[in-house]
Protein backbone atom coordinates (compact mmCIF):
# COMPACT_ATOMS: atom_id res chain seq x y z
CA MET A 1 1.80 -7.96 -10.87
CA THR A 2 4.78 -6.34 -12.54
CA LYS A 3 7.01 -3.83 -10.81
CA ALA A 4 5.92 -1.14 -13.27
CA GLU A 5 2.25 -1.75 -12.53
CA SER A 6 2.96 -1.72 -8.80
CA PHE A 7 4.86 1.55 -9.06
CA LEU A 8 2.16 3.18 -11.19
CA LEU A 9 -0.62 2.24 -8.77
CA ARG A 10 1.33 3.58 -5.78
CA ALA A 11 2.23 6.76 -7.68
CA PHE A 12 -1.40 7.23 -8.71
CA ALA A 13 -2.52 6.82 -5.08
CA ALA A 14 0.03 9.42 -3.97
CA LEU A 15 -1.09 11.78 -6.72
CA LEU A 16 -4.73 11.37 -5.71
CA SER A 17 -3.78 12.10 -2.11
CA LEU A 18 -2.00 15.31 -3.11
CA VAL A 19 -4.94 16.36 -5.28
CA GLY A 20 -7.28 15.70 -2.35
CA MET A 21 -5.20 17.89 -0.06
CA ALA A 22 -5.02 20.63 -2.68
CA GLY A 23 -8.78 20.42 -3.20
CA PHE A 24 -9.35 20.81 0.53
CA ILE A 25 -7.04 23.82 0.71
CA VAL A 26 -8.56 25.52 -2.33
CA LEU A 27 -12.17 24.99 -1.26
CA PHE A 28 -12.12 25.21 2.52
CA ALA A 29 -8.86 26.36 4.10
CA ARG A 30 -8.99 29.83 2.62
CA ASN A 31 -12.27 30.65 4.40
CA MET A 32 -11.69 28.58 7.53
CA THR A 33 -14.23 29.23 10.25
CA VAL A 34 -14.96 27.29 13.42
CA PHE A 35 -17.65 25.35 11.56
CA TRP A 36 -15.21 24.24 8.84
CA PHE A 37 -12.51 23.59 11.44
CA ILE A 38 -14.83 21.15 13.23
CA LEU A 39 -15.82 19.44 9.98
CA SER A 40 -12.34 19.44 8.43
CA PRO A 41 -11.43 15.86 9.48
CA LEU A 42 -14.55 14.54 7.75
CA ILE A 43 -13.93 16.68 4.68
CA LEU A 44 -10.33 15.43 4.48
CA ILE A 45 -11.56 11.84 4.67
CA VAL A 46 -13.86 12.44 1.72
CA TYR A 47 -11.06 13.99 -0.33
CA GLN A 48 -8.59 11.22 0.59
CA PHE A 49 -10.99 8.35 -0.11
CA PRO A 50 -10.02 7.88 -3.81
CA ALA A 51 -6.36 7.52 -2.82
CA PHE A 52 -7.36 4.97 -0.17
CA VAL A 53 -9.31 2.93 -2.74
CA VAL A 54 -6.39 2.86 -5.18
CA LEU A 55 -4.00 1.84 -2.41
CA ARG A 56 -6.33 -1.00 -1.36
CA ILE A 57 -6.46 -2.21 -4.97
CA TRP A 58 -2.66 -2.19 -5.07
CA LYS A 59 -2.41 -4.13 -1.80
CA ARG A 60 -4.88 -6.79 -2.97
CA LYS A 61 -3.12 -7.22 -6.31
CA ARG A 62 0.24 -7.49 -4.55
CA ALA A 63 -1.14 -10.10 -2.10
CA ARG A 64 -2.62 -12.12 -4.97
CA ALA A 65 0.63 -11.95 -6.91
CA SER A 66 2.70 -13.11 -3.94
CA ALA A 67 0.20 -15.91 -3.21
CA SER A 68 0.39 -17.12 -6.80
CA GLU A 69 4.21 -17.01 -6.66
CA ILE A 70 4.14 -19.16 -3.52
CA GLU A 71 1.76 -21.64 -5.17
CA GLU A 72 3.96 -21.84 -8.26
CA ALA A 73 7.02 -22.48 -6.11
CA GLN A 74 5.22 -25.25 -4.23
CA GLU A 75 4.07 -26.84 -7.47
CA GLN A 76 7.65 -26.88 -8.73
CA GLY A 77 8.83 -28.50 -5.51
CA ASP A 78 10.78 -25.46 -4.35
CA ASN A 79 9.87 -24.82 -0.75
CA GLY A 80 12.52 -22.18 -0.17
CA GLY A 81 14.93 -24.51 1.59
CA ALA A 82 12.50 -25.34 4.39
CA ASP A 83 13.67 -28.95 4.51
CA ALA A 84 17.35 -28.03 4.50
CA ALA A 85 19.33 -28.15 7.74
CA PRO A 86 19.30 -24.84 9.61
CA ASP A 87 22.47 -22.80 9.80
CA PRO A 88 24.33 -23.26 13.08
CA ALA A 89 24.16 -20.43 15.58
CA PRO A 90 27.29 -18.29 15.92
CA GLY A 91 29.75 -19.99 18.26
CA ASP A 92 28.24 -23.47 17.71
CA GLU A 93 30.52 -24.56 14.87
CA GLY A 94 31.97 -27.45 16.85
């Protein structure tokens, strides 16, 4: 996944979240009664659900991309220096 695609998905999720909050305010917060106050957490969940779905898609694509990068590195024989000697701890130079 490219950085541009990653940024666009996260920005779209944030935009959907803001639209969900605005939709809640426009439809329910102006005429808030005890009934709507009790149901407001459920209503907010419904309005935030599209943003949640887009964010989950982004996370899955990012996980797949990082997994494929790791597989490519292993195929090329690059294990990130795992077989190299560890750096000495500070004060253990001698």
